[in-house]
Amino acid sequence: MKKFTNLNDIGSLKDALSKAKEIKMSPFSDQELGRNKTLLMIFFNSSLRTRLSTQKAAMNLGMNVIVLDINQGAWKLETRRGVIMDGDKPEHILEAIPVMGSYCDIIGVRSFAGLLNRDEDYRDLIINQFIDYSGKPVFSMESATGHPLQSFADLITIEEYKKRERPRILLTWAPHPKALPQAVANSFSQWSVAAGYDVVITHPKGYELCEEYTKGARIEYDVEAAYRDADFVYAKNWSVYKEPDYGKIISNDKSWMIDKVKMQLTRNAKFMHCLPVRRNMIVTDDVIESQDSIVVQQAANRVVSAQMVIREMLLSL
């Protein structure tokens, strides 16, 4: 595997899930694979689970790890071509990338959507520049359009907890005080459909996601109908995808918060969220603290998803 930015890069999803299961059972069996190899993790945005889980995954494989926070520990980087660099960014990413590549064997990149220009965001310029110019295998630790390591971990978790071969998965929008990217929702929908699950997406009208990621899922605007018979409820906020309101908040209807009343419509569903989660906006305390909440188990499986991807990249070196 030379790059990992979306579902198409992982090959057979069934095989990937099988390998992930093996890794979880024996996390230290490939320590020699990463000996004297270095992972460089580059963060253009804040992180907790992604940073810790990916570093732990690399350490399980015997790798050295370098973590670079662009916003705190490096020069500010200009990412656009043709710009007169007379502002606060003294270094261009096109010089920085090959230098970074010379210091490592594999690169992980995390960057978010700017939510100002949809075309620019959906071209995923930052991570694609690393793929084009670093000369090293590159994987996404979240980008403007997707969060594949999160979605892979989500599927690992669902496979562990599902009681039916084809569970019903509900992805529901929930209110949030800030405008957030569509990345997690995009990936979760795409990966869940690819896994063969019965996927339902519910949200206020106007919050439709890019059809490239929701193809095969059912969009349901009736909240009660959406929750009915769900086996898993995945809560996430995202801002508007459609023009001319791209990146905006057009509703903050608190009635969309996940609560006990909604969960009682389900088939004793497990509650999921990628974290961090804003309690009593996204979900009530009693739901996230219930025995059916598996958000911590999701987060733990982030090590497994990252380790499987890094392992495949090490094998390709």
C-alpha atoms as a PDB file:
ATOM      1  CA  MET A   1       0.000   0.000   0.000  1.00  0.00           C
ATOM      2  CA  LYS A   2       1.582   3.268  -1.163  1.00  0.00           C
ATOM      3  CA  LYS A   3      -1.210   5.601  -0.075  1.00  0.00           C
ATOM      4  CA  PHE A   4      -4.307   5.460   2.081  1.00  0.00           C
ATOM      5  CA  THR A   5      -6.765   8.304   1.709  1.00  0.00           C
ATOM      6  CA  ASN A   6     -10.080   6.549   1.146  1.00  0.00           C
ATOM      7  CA  LEU A   7     -11.929   3.254   0.900  1.00  0.00           C
ATOM      8  CA  ASN A   8     -10.558   2.445  -2.550  1.00  0.00           C
ATOM      9  CA  ASP A   9      -6.992   2.202  -1.237  1.00  0.00           C
ATOM     10  CA  ILE A  10      -7.595  -0.629   1.201  1.00  0.00           C
ATOM     11  CA  GLY A  11      -8.398  -3.374  -1.296  1.00  0.00           C
ATOM     12  CA  SER A  12     -10.747  -6.083  -0.076  1.00  0.00           C
ATOM     13  CA  LEU A  13     -12.621  -4.701   2.930  1.00  0.00           C
ATOM     14  CA  LYS A  14     -13.361  -8.227   4.129  1.00  0.00           C
ATOM     15  CA  ASP A  15      -9.652  -9.085   4.080  1.00  0.00           C
ATOM     16  CA  ALA A  16      -8.765  -5.810   5.801  1.00  0.00           C
ATOM     17  CA  LEU A  17     -11.220  -6.514   8.623  1.00  0.00           C
ATOM     18  CA  SER A  18      -9.800 -10.016   8.971  1.00  0.00           C
ATOM     19  CA  LYS A  19      -6.256  -8.658   9.219  1.00  0.00           C
ATOM     20  CA  ALA A  20      -7.401  -6.086  11.764  1.00  0.00           C
ATOM     21  CA  LYS A  21      -8.840  -8.881  13.901  1.00  0.00           C
ATOM     22  CA  GLU A  22      -5.501 -10.690  13.817  1.00  0.00           C
ATOM     23  CA  ILE A  23      -3.646  -7.501  14.772  1.00  0.00           C
ATOM     24  CA  LYS A  24      -5.958  -6.910  17.715  1.00  0.00           C
ATOM     25  CA  MET A  25      -5.353 -10.439  18.975  1.00  0.00           C
ATOM     26  CA  SER A  26      -1.568 -10.153  18.599  1.00  0.00           C
ATOM     27  CA  PRO A  27      -0.533  -6.479  18.472  1.00  0.00           C
ATOM     28  CA  PHE A  28       3.217  -7.019  18.909  1.00  0.00           C
ATOM     29  CA  SER A  29       3.821  -9.854  16.448  1.00  0.00           C
ATOM     30  CA  ASP A  30       5.258  -7.560  13.735  1.00  0.00           C
ATOM     31  CA  GLN A  31       7.709  -5.503  15.794  1.00  0.00           C
ATOM     32  CA  GLU A  32      10.639  -6.467  13.587  1.00  0.00           C
ATOM     33  CA  LEU A  33       8.798  -5.117  10.554  1.00  0.00           C
ATOM     34  CA  GLY A  34       9.256  -1.516  11.694  1.00  0.00           C
ATOM     35  CA  ARG A  35      12.746  -1.780  13.153  1.00  0.00           C
ATOM     36  CA  ASN A  36      14.886   1.213  12.073  1.00  0.00           C
ATOM     37  CA  LYS A  37      11.920   2.679  10.181  1.00  0.00           C
ATOM     38  CA  THR A  38      10.477   6.104  10.974  1.00  0.00           C
ATOM     39  CA  LEU A  39       6.912   7.377  10.849  1.00  0.00           C
ATOM     40  CA  LEU A  40       6.454  11.131  10.504  1.00  0.00           C
ATOM     41  CA  MET A  41       3.063  12.362  11.723  1.00  0.00           C
ATOM     42  CA  ILE A  42       2.170  15.866  10.523  1.00  0.00           C
ATOM     43  CA  PHE A  43      -0.706  17.777  12.114  1.00  0.00           C
ATOM     44  CA  PHE A  44      -2.210  20.872  10.548  1.00  0.00           C
ATOM     45  CA  ASN A  45      -5.059  20.579  13.085  1.00  0.00           C
ATOM     46  CA  SER A  46      -5.587  19.552  16.684  1.00  0.00           C
ATOM     47  CA  SER A  47      -5.864  15.904  17.645  1.00  0.00           C
ATOM     48  CA  LEU A  48      -6.127  13.600  20.636  1.00  0.00           C
ATOM     49  CA  ARG A  49      -7.232  10.103  19.549  1.00  0.00           C
ATOM     50  CA  THR A  50      -5.592  10.263  16.127  1.00  0.00           C
ATOM     51  CA  ARG A  51      -2.273  11.423  17.530  1.00  0.00           C
ATOM     52  CA  LEU A  52      -2.117   8.907  20.378  1.00  0.00           C
ATOM     53  CA  SER A  53      -3.571   5.910  18.568  1.00  0.00           C
ATOM     54  CA  THR A  54      -1.417   6.282  15.462  1.00  0.00           C
ATOM     55  CA  GLN A  55       1.747   6.775  17.501  1.00  0.00           C
ATOM     56  CA  LYS A  56       0.877   3.706  19.583  1.00  0.00           C
ATOM     57  CA  ALA A  57       0.215   1.687  16.409  1.00  0.00           C
ATOM     58  CA  ALA A  58       3.636   2.597  14.990  1.00  0.00           C
ATOM     59  CA  MET A  59       5.331   1.739  18.279  1.00  0.00           C
ATOM     60  CA  ASN A  60       3.589  -1.657  18.283  1.00  0.00           C
ATOM     61  CA  LEU A  61       5.279  -2.221  14.915  1.00  0.00           C
ATOM     62  CA  GLY A  62       8.702  -1.283  16.294  1.00  0.00           C
ATOM     63  CA  MET A  63       8.930   2.081  14.504  1.00  0.00           C
ATOM     64  CA  ASN A  64      10.492   5.364  15.509  1.00  0.00           C
ATOM     65  CA  VAL A  65       7.953   8.197  15.507  1.00  0.00           C
ATOM     66  CA  ILE A  66       8.350  11.929  14.834  1.00  0.00           C
ATOM     67  CA  VAL A  67       5.363  14.184  15.526  1.00  0.00           C
ATOM     68  CA  LEU A  68       5.218  17.639  13.953  1.00  0.00           C
ATOM     69  CA  ASP A  69       2.525  20.170  14.802  1.00  0.00           C
ATOM     70  CA  ILE A  70       2.630  22.681  11.964  1.00  0.00           C
ATOM     71  CA  ASN A  71       0.761  25.344  13.951  1.00  0.00           C
ATOM     72  CA  GLN A  72       3.001  25.235  17.015  1.00  0.00           C
ATOM     73  CA  GLY A  73       6.335  23.649  16.216  1.00  0.00           C
ATOM     74  CA  ALA A  74       7.195  24.717  12.681  1.00  0.00           C
ATOM     75  CA  TRP A  75       7.281  27.616  10.261  1.00  0.00           C
ATOM     76  CA  LYS A  76       3.895  28.594   8.909  1.00  0.00           C
ATOM     77  CA  LEU A  77       3.523  27.005   5.482  1.00  0.00           C
ATOM     78  CA  GLU A  78       2.175  28.545   2.330  1.00  0.00           C
ATOM     79  CA  THR A  79       0.162  25.922   0.418  1.00  0.00           C
ATOM     80  CA  ARG A  80      -0.825  27.844  -2.725  1.00  0.00           C
ATOM     81  CA  ARG A  81       1.139  28.294  -5.930  1.00  0.00           C
ATOM     82  CA  GLY A  82       1.775  31.679  -7.466  1.00  0.00           C
ATOM     83  CA  VAL A  83       1.537  33.573  -4.191  1.00  0.00           C
ATOM     84  CA  ILE A  84       3.876  36.461  -3.393  1.00  0.00           C
ATOM     85  CA  MET A  85       5.188  35.317  -0.016  1.00  0.00           C
ATOM     86  CA  ASP A  86       5.369  38.670   1.735  1.00  0.00           C
ATOM     87  CA  GLY A  87       3.074  37.725   4.624  1.00  0.00           C
ATOM     88  CA  ASP A  88       3.437  35.600   7.768  1.00  0.00           C
ATOM     89  CA  LYS A  89       4.306  32.333   5.950  1.00  0.00           C
ATOM     90  CA  PRO A  90       8.071  32.127   5.337  1.00  0.00           C
ATOM     91  CA  GLU A  91       8.161  28.591   3.881  1.00  0.00           C
ATOM     92  CA  HIS A  92       6.355  26.969   0.980  1.00  0.00           C
ATOM     93  CA  ILE A  93       4.942  23.485   1.374  1.00  0.00           C
ATOM     94  CA  LEU A  94       6.561  22.404  -1.915  1.00  0.00           C
ATOM     95  CA  GLU A  95      10.023  22.817  -0.412  1.00  0.00           C
ATOM     96  CA  ALA A  96       8.986  21.538   3.013  1.00  0.00           C
ATOM     97  CA  ILE A  97       7.414  18.300   1.779  1.00  0.00           C
ATOM     98  CA  PRO A  98      10.484  16.714   0.131  1.00  0.00           C
ATOM     99  CA  VAL A  99      12.592  17.744   3.119  1.00  0.00           C
ATOM    100  CA  MET A 100      10.155  16.015   5.463  1.00  0.00           C
ATOM    101  CA  GLY A 101      10.153  12.976   3.210  1.00  0.00           C
ATOM    102  CA  SER A 102      13.916  12.716   3.480  1.00  0.00           C
ATOM    103  CA  TYR A 103      13.644  12.257   7.255  1.00  0.00           C
ATOM    104  CA  CYS A 104      11.235   9.322   7.325  1.00  0.00           C
ATOM    105  CA  ASP A 105       9.891   6.192   5.667  1.00  0.00           C
ATOM    106  CA  ILE A 106       6.120   6.756   5.975  1.00  0.00           C
ATOM    107  CA  ILE A 107       4.099   9.950   6.424  1.00  0.00           C
ATOM    108  CA  GLY A 108       0.725  10.484   8.093  1.00  0.00           C
ATOM    109  CA  VAL A 109      -1.036  13.807   7.421  1.00  0.00           C
ATOM    110  CA  ARG A 110      -3.966  15.434   9.201  1.00  0.00           C
ATOM    111  CA  SER A 111      -5.647  18.522   7.739  1.00  0.00           C
ATOM    112  CA  PHE A 112      -9.209  19.844   7.838  1.00  0.00           C
ATOM    113  CA  ALA A 113     -11.455  21.584   5.359  1.00  0.00           C
ATOM    114  CA  GLY A 114     -11.309  25.367   5.377  1.00  0.00           C
ATOM    115  CA  LEU A 115     -15.091  25.450   4.725  1.00  0.00           C
ATOM    116  CA  LEU A 116     -14.714  28.566   2.555  1.00  0.00           C
ATOM    117  CA  ASN A 117     -14.265  27.059  -0.914  1.00  0.00           C
ATOM    118  CA  ARG A 118     -15.886  23.705  -1.627  1.00  0.00           C
ATOM    119  CA  ASP A 119     -13.955  22.977  -4.816  1.00  0.00           C
ATOM    120  CA  GLU A 120     -10.647  23.670  -3.099  1.00  0.00           C
ATOM    121  CA  ASP A 121     -11.562  21.573  -0.066  1.00  0.00           C
ATOM    122  CA  TYR A 122     -12.767  18.620  -2.117  1.00  0.00           C
ATOM    123  CA  ARG A 123      -9.548  18.563  -4.115  1.00  0.00           C
ATOM    124  CA  ASP A 124      -7.769  17.710  -0.835  1.00  0.00           C
ATOM    125  CA  LEU A 125      -4.795  19.812  -1.877  1.00  0.00           C
ATOM    126  CA  ILE A 126      -2.611  19.366   1.207  1.00  0.00           C
ATOM    127  CA  ILE A 127      -2.564  15.591   1.449  1.00  0.00           C
ATOM    128  CA  ASN A 128      -2.344  15.209  -2.325  1.00  0.00           C
ATOM    129  CA  GLN A 129       0.736  17.438  -2.371  1.00  0.00           C
ATOM    130  CA  PHE A 130       2.372  15.111   0.153  1.00  0.00           C
ATOM    131  CA  ILE A 131       1.498  12.143  -2.051  1.00  0.00           C
ATOM    132  CA  ASP A 132       2.916  13.876  -5.133  1.00  0.00           C
ATOM    133  CA  TYR A 133       6.111  15.361  -3.675  1.00  0.00           C
ATOM    134  CA  SER A 134       7.269  13.451  -0.587  1.00  0.00           C
ATOM    135  CA  GLY A 135       8.457  10.314  -2.367  1.00  0.00           C
ATOM    136  CA  LYS A 136       7.127   8.244   0.565  1.00  0.00           C
ATOM    137  CA  PRO A 137       3.940   6.287   1.315  1.00  0.00           C
ATOM    138  CA  VAL A 138       1.321   8.669   2.733  1.00  0.00           C
ATOM    139  CA  PHE A 139      -1.809   7.972   4.740  1.00  0.00           C
ATOM    140  CA  SER A 140      -4.626  10.237   5.838  1.00  0.00           C
ATOM    141  CA  MET A 141      -5.145  10.969   9.510  1.00  0.00           C
ATOM    142  CA  GLU A 142      -8.187  12.985   8.330  1.00  0.00           C
ATOM    143  CA  SER A 143      -8.471  15.318   5.400  1.00  0.00           C
ATOM    144  CA  ALA A 144     -10.936  17.848   4.056  1.00  0.00           C
ATOM    145  CA  THR A 145     -13.149  15.122   2.606  1.00  0.00           C
ATOM    146  CA  GLY A 146     -12.713  11.998   4.720  1.00  0.00           C
ATOM    147  CA  HIS A 147     -11.428  10.266   7.818  1.00  0.00           C
ATOM    148  CA  PRO A 148     -10.687   6.695   6.665  1.00  0.00           C
ATOM    149  CA  LEU A 149      -8.803   5.545   9.776  1.00  0.00           C
ATOM    150  CA  GLN A 150     -11.825   6.525  11.877  1.00  0.00           C
ATOM    151  CA  SER A 151     -14.272   4.749   9.577  1.00  0.00           C
ATOM    152  CA  PHE A 152     -12.122   1.625   9.478  1.00  0.00           C
ATOM    153  CA  ALA A 153     -12.093   1.602  13.299  1.00  0.00           C
ATOM    154  CA  ASP A 154     -15.865   2.154  13.292  1.00  0.00           C
ATOM    155  CA  LEU A 155     -16.375  -0.931  11.133  1.00  0.00           C
ATOM    156  CA  ILE A 156     -14.036  -3.000  13.311  1.00  0.00           C
ATOM    157  CA  THR A 157     -16.212  -1.967  16.270  1.00  0.00           C
ATOM    158  CA  ILE A 158     -19.507  -2.718  14.534  1.00  0.00           C
ATOM    159  CA  GLU A 159     -18.238  -6.157  13.517  1.00  0.00           C
ATOM    160  CA  GLU A 160     -17.423  -6.857  17.174  1.00  0.00           C
ATOM    161  CA  TYR A 161     -20.847  -5.805  18.479  1.00  0.00           C
ATOM    162  CA  LYS A 162     -23.313  -6.648  15.703  1.00  0.00           C
ATOM    163  CA  LYS A 163     -25.952  -9.286  16.439  1.00  0.00           C
ATOM    164  CA  ARG A 164     -27.213  -9.596  12.876  1.00  0.00           C
ATOM    165  CA  GLU A 165     -25.256 -10.297   9.717  1.00  0.00           C
ATOM    166  CA  ARG A 166     -26.627  -7.123   8.110  1.00  0.00           C
ATOM    167  CA  PRO A 167     -27.263  -4.612  10.891  1.00  0.00           C
ATOM    168  CA  ARG A 168     -29.172  -1.406  10.364  1.00  0.00           C
ATOM    169  CA  ILE A 169     -26.850   1.569  10.826  1.00  0.00           C
ATOM    170  CA  LEU A 170     -28.228   5.047  11.454  1.00  0.00           C
ATOM    171  CA  LEU A 171     -25.993   8.049  10.796  1.00  0.00           C
ATOM    172  CA  THR A 172     -27.719  11.038  12.338  1.00  0.00           C
ATOM    173  CA  TRP A 173     -26.855  14.725  12.189  1.00  0.00           C
ATOM    174  CA  ALA A 174     -26.854  16.517  15.537  1.00  0.00           C
ATOM    175  CA  PRO A 175     -26.502  20.195  16.483  1.00  0.00           C
ATOM    176  CA  HIS A 176     -23.154  21.812  17.207  1.00  0.00           C
ATOM    177  CA  PRO A 177     -22.092  25.417  17.959  1.00  0.00           C
ATOM    178  CA  LYS A 178     -19.347  25.438  15.310  1.00  0.00           C
ATOM    179  CA  ALA A 179     -19.348  24.687  11.593  1.00  0.00           C
ATOM    180  CA  LEU A 180     -17.674  21.301  11.110  1.00  0.00           C
ATOM    181  CA  PRO A 181     -16.449  19.499   7.970  1.00  0.00           C
ATOM    182  CA  GLN A 182     -18.307  16.620   6.346  1.00  0.00           C
ATOM    183  CA  ALA A 183     -15.245  14.339   6.492  1.00  0.00           C
ATOM    184  CA  VAL A 184     -16.302  11.858   9.195  1.00  0.00           C
ATOM    185  CA  ALA A 185     -19.867  11.600   7.905  1.00  0.00           C
ATOM    186  CA  ASN A 186     -18.635  11.127   4.322  1.00  0.00           C
ATOM    187  CA  SER A 187     -16.316   8.281   5.236  1.00  0.00           C
ATOM    188  CA  PHE A 188     -18.670   6.554   7.665  1.00  0.00           C
ATOM    189  CA  SER A 189     -21.459   6.447   5.092  1.00  0.00           C
ATOM    190  CA  GLN A 190     -19.183   5.198   2.313  1.00  0.00           C
ATOM    191  CA  TRP A 191     -17.468   2.509   4.407  1.00  0.00           C
ATOM    192  CA  SER A 192     -20.702   1.278   6.000  1.00  0.00           C
ATOM    193  CA  VAL A 193     -22.383   0.848   2.621  1.00  0.00           C
ATOM    194  CA  ALA A 194     -19.296  -0.967   1.310  1.00  0.00           C
ATOM    195  CA  ALA A 195     -19.469  -3.330   4.304  1.00  0.00           C
ATOM    196  CA  GLY A 196     -22.955  -4.357   3.210  1.00  0.00           C
ATOM    197  CA  TYR A 197     -24.828  -2.779   6.115  1.00  0.00           C
ATOM    198  CA  ASP A 198     -28.347  -1.364   5.856  1.00  0.00           C
ATOM    199  CA  VAL A 199     -27.422   2.327   6.089  1.00  0.00           C
ATOM    200  CA  VAL A 200     -29.886   5.113   6.883  1.00  0.00           C
ATOM    201  CA  ILE A 201     -28.882   8.792   7.078  1.00  0.00           C
ATOM    202  CA  THR A 202     -31.073  11.400   8.749  1.00  0.00           C
ATOM    203  CA  HIS A 203     -30.584  15.160   8.960  1.00  0.00           C
ATOM    204  CA  PRO A 204     -32.495  18.425   8.498  1.00  0.00           C
ATOM    205  CA  LYS A 205     -33.204  19.316   4.903  1.00  0.00           C
ATOM    206  CA  GLY A 206     -30.290  21.250   3.438  1.00  0.00           C
ATOM    207  CA  TYR A 207     -27.633  19.082   5.111  1.00  0.00           C
ATOM    208  CA  GLU A 208     -27.415  16.508   2.301  1.00  0.00           C
ATOM    209  CA  LEU A 209     -23.893  15.109   1.911  1.00  0.00           C
ATOM    210  CA  CYS A 210     -22.013  14.642  -1.350  1.00  0.00           C
ATOM    211  CA  GLU A 211     -23.744  11.829  -3.244  1.00  0.00           C
ATOM    212  CA  GLU A 212     -20.380  10.228  -4.002  1.00  0.00           C
ATOM    213  CA  TYR A 213     -20.223   9.186  -0.346  1.00  0.00           C
ATOM    214  CA  THR A 214     -23.894   8.400   0.335  1.00  0.00           C
ATOM    215  CA  LYS A 215     -24.628   6.249  -2.716  1.00  0.00           C
ATOM    216  CA  GLY A 216     -26.343   3.090  -1.493  1.00  0.00           C
ATOM    217  CA  ALA A 217     -27.605   4.670   1.735  1.00  0.00           C
ATOM    218  CA  ARG A 218     -31.221   5.686   2.358  1.00  0.00           C
ATOM    219  CA  ILE A 219     -31.864   9.323   3.247  1.00  0.00           C
ATOM    220  CA  GLU A 220     -34.721   9.648   5.750  1.00  0.00           C
ATOM    221  CA  TYR A 221     -35.995  13.039   6.933  1.00  0.00           C
ATOM    222  CA  ASP A 222     -38.567  11.563   9.320  1.00  0.00           C
ATOM    223  CA  VAL A 223     -36.618  11.214  12.586  1.00  0.00           C
ATOM    224  CA  GLU A 224     -38.828   8.545  14.157  1.00  0.00           C
ATOM    225  CA  ALA A 225     -38.747   6.442  10.993  1.00  0.00           C
ATOM    226  CA  ALA A 226     -34.959   6.807  10.824  1.00  0.00           C
ATOM    227  CA  TYR A 227     -34.407   5.541  14.370  1.00  0.00           C
ATOM    228  CA  ARG A 228     -36.902   2.706  14.182  1.00  0.00           C
ATOM    229  CA  ASP A 229     -35.193  -0.724  14.310  1.00  0.00           C
ATOM    230  CA  ALA A 230     -31.666   0.711  14.162  1.00  0.00           C
ATOM    231  CA  ASP A 231     -28.953  -1.556  15.587  1.00  0.00           C
ATOM    232  CA  PHE A 232     -26.326   1.200  15.767  1.00  0.00           C
ATOM    233  CA  VAL A 233     -26.793   4.972  16.058  1.00  0.00           C
ATOM    234  CA  TYR A 234     -23.816   7.038  14.915  1.00  0.00           C
ATOM    235  CA  ALA A 235     -24.112  10.721  15.835  1.00  0.00           C
ATOM    236  CA  LYS A 236     -22.157  13.424  14.034  1.00  0.00           C
ATOM    237  CA  ASN A 237     -22.505  17.068  13.162  1.00  0.00           C
ATOM    238  CA  TRP A 238     -21.514  18.471   9.786  1.00  0.00           C
ATOM    239  CA  SER A 239     -21.960  21.781   8.010  1.00  0.00           C
ATOM    240  CA  VAL A 240     -23.725  22.306   4.696  1.00  0.00           C
ATOM    241  CA  TYR A 241     -22.192  20.682   1.603  1.00  0.00           C
ATOM    242  CA  LYS A 242     -24.440  22.233  -1.038  1.00  0.00           C
ATOM    243  CA  GLU A 243     -23.716  25.579  -2.661  1.00  0.00           C
ATOM    244  CA  PRO A 244     -24.261  28.461  -2.032  1.00  0.00           C
ATOM    245  CA  ASP A 245     -24.296  27.635   1.701  1.00  0.00           C
ATOM    246  CA  TYR A 246     -21.214  25.387   1.759  1.00  0.00           C
ATOM    247  CA  GLY A 247     -19.572  25.315   5.176  1.00  0.00           C
ATOM    248  CA  LYS A 248     -22.430  27.125   6.909  1.00  0.00           C
ATOM    249  CA  ILE A 249     -24.742  26.256   9.792  1.00  0.00           C
ATOM    250  CA  ILE A 250     -28.347  26.581   8.613  1.00  0.00           C
ATOM    251  CA  SER A 251     -29.951  24.861  11.596  1.00  0.00           C
ATOM    252  CA  ASN A 252     -29.132  24.338  15.236  1.00  0.00           C
ATOM    253  CA  ASP A 253     -32.388  22.638  16.132  1.00  0.00           C
ATOM    254  CA  LYS A 254     -31.771  21.116  19.573  1.00  0.00           C
ATOM    255  CA  SER A 255     -34.511  18.543  18.987  1.00  0.00           C
ATOM    256  CA  TRP A 256     -31.993  16.587  16.880  1.00  0.00           C
ATOM    257  CA  MET A 257     -29.894  15.800  19.963  1.00  0.00           C
ATOM    258  CA  ILE A 258     -29.698  12.059  20.669  1.00  0.00           C
ATOM    259  CA  ASP A 259     -31.651  11.237  23.819  1.00  0.00           C
ATOM    260  CA  LYS A 260     -33.290   8.279  25.546  1.00  0.00           C
ATOM    261  CA  VAL A 261     -36.616   8.824  23.815  1.00  0.00           C
ATOM    262  CA  LYS A 262     -35.024   8.440  20.378  1.00  0.00           C
ATOM    263  CA  MET A 263     -32.890   5.482  21.448  1.00  0.00           C
ATOM    264  CA  GLN A 264     -36.023   3.680  22.679  1.00  0.00           C
ATOM    265  CA  LEU A 265     -37.241   3.608  19.061  1.00  0.00           C
ATOM    266  CA  THR A 266     -34.259   1.457  18.101  1.00  0.00           C
ATOM    267  CA  ARG A 267     -33.526  -2.244  18.421  1.00  0.00           C
ATOM    268  CA  ASN A 268     -31.520  -1.675  21.651  1.00  0.00           C
ATOM    269  CA  ALA A 269     -28.997   0.143  19.484  1.00  0.00           C
ATOM    270  CA  LYS A 270     -25.397   0.818  20.394  1.00  0.00           C
ATOM    271  CA  PHE A 271     -24.486   4.498  20.479  1.00  0.00           C
ATOM    272  CA  MET A 272     -21.405   5.592  18.507  1.00  0.00           C
ATOM    273  CA  HIS A 273     -19.498   8.852  18.055  1.00  0.00           C
ATOM    274  CA  CYS A 274     -15.969   9.562  16.840  1.00  0.00           C
ATOM    275  CA  LEU A 275     -15.227  11.938  19.782  1.00  0.00           C
ATOM    276  CA  PRO A 276     -14.716  14.572  21.017  1.00  0.00           C
ATOM    277  CA  VAL A 277     -18.436  14.956  21.700  1.00  0.00           C
ATOM    278  CA  ARG A 278     -20.291  17.928  23.144  1.00  0.00           C
ATOM    279  CA  ARG A 279     -22.553  16.500  25.812  1.00  0.00           C
ATOM    280  CA  ASN A 280     -26.146  17.733  25.956  1.00  0.00           C
ATOM    281  CA  MET A 281     -25.809  19.194  22.471  1.00  0.00           C
ATOM    282  CA  ILE A 282     -24.916  16.131  20.421  1.00  0.00           C
ATOM    283  CA  VAL A 283     -26.033  13.541  22.986  1.00  0.00           C
ATOM    284  CA  THR A 284     -27.459  13.522  26.495  1.00  0.00           C
ATOM    285  CA  ASP A 285     -25.421  12.334  29.473  1.00  0.00           C
ATOM    286  CA  ASP A 286     -27.628   9.331  30.086  1.00  0.00           C
ATOM    287  CA  VAL A 287     -27.182   8.003  26.530  1.00  0.00           C
ATOM    288  CA  ILE A 288     -23.416   8.391  26.307  1.00  0.00           C
ATOM    289  CA  GLU A 289     -22.969   6.958  29.812  1.00  0.00           C
ATOM    290  CA  SER A 290     -25.289   4.008  29.215  1.00  0.00           C
ATOM    291  CA  GLN A 291     -24.146   0.411  28.799  1.00  0.00           C
ATOM    292  CA  ASP A 292     -25.052   0.697  25.112  1.00  0.00           C
ATOM    293  CA  SER A 293     -22.520   3.472  24.498  1.00  0.00           C
ATOM    294  CA  ILE A 294     -19.427   2.090  22.735  1.00  0.00           C
ATOM    295  CA  VAL A 295     -17.573   5.338  22.067  1.00  0.00           C
ATOM    296  CA  VAL A 296     -14.556   4.298  24.155  1.00  0.00           C
ATOM    297  CA  GLN A 297     -14.346   0.955  22.351  1.00  0.00           C
ATOM    298  CA  GLN A 298     -14.425   2.828  19.028  1.00  0.00           C
ATOM    299  CA  ALA A 299     -11.550   5.002  20.159  1.00  0.00           C
ATOM    300  CA  ALA A 300      -9.537   1.977  21.297  1.00  0.00           C
ATOM    301  CA  ASN A 301      -9.945   0.414  17.861  1.00  0.00           C
ATOM    302  CA  ARG A 302      -8.249   3.440  16.311  1.00  0.00           C
ATOM    303  CA  VAL A 303      -4.945   1.759  17.247  1.00  0.00           C
ATOM    304  CA  VAL A 304      -5.983  -1.358  15.337  1.00  0.00           C
ATOM    305  CA  SER A 305      -7.054   0.465  12.160  1.00  0.00           C
ATOM    306  CA  ALA A 306      -3.873   2.568  12.106  1.00  0.00           C
ATOM    307  CA  GLN A 307      -1.654  -0.431  12.779  1.00  0.00           C
ATOM    308  CA  MET A 308      -3.174  -2.416   9.929  1.00  0.00           C
ATOM    309  CA  VAL A 309      -2.623   0.458   7.453  1.00  0.00           C
ATOM    310  CA  ILE A 310       0.944   1.197   8.604  1.00  0.00           C
ATOM    311  CA  ARG A 311       1.779  -2.514   8.519  1.00  0.00           C
ATOM    312  CA  GLU A 312       0.651  -2.757   4.888  1.00  0.00           C
ATOM    313  CA  MET A 313       2.781   0.271   4.035  1.00  0.00           C
ATOM    314  CA  LEU A 314       5.824  -1.219   5.730  1.00  0.00           C
ATOM    315  CA  LEU A 315       5.337  -4.381   3.688  1.00  0.00           C
ATOM    316  CA  SER A 316       5.369  -2.282   0.494  1.00  0.00           C
ATOM    317  CA  LEU A 317       8.694  -0.577   1.244  1.00  0.00           C
END
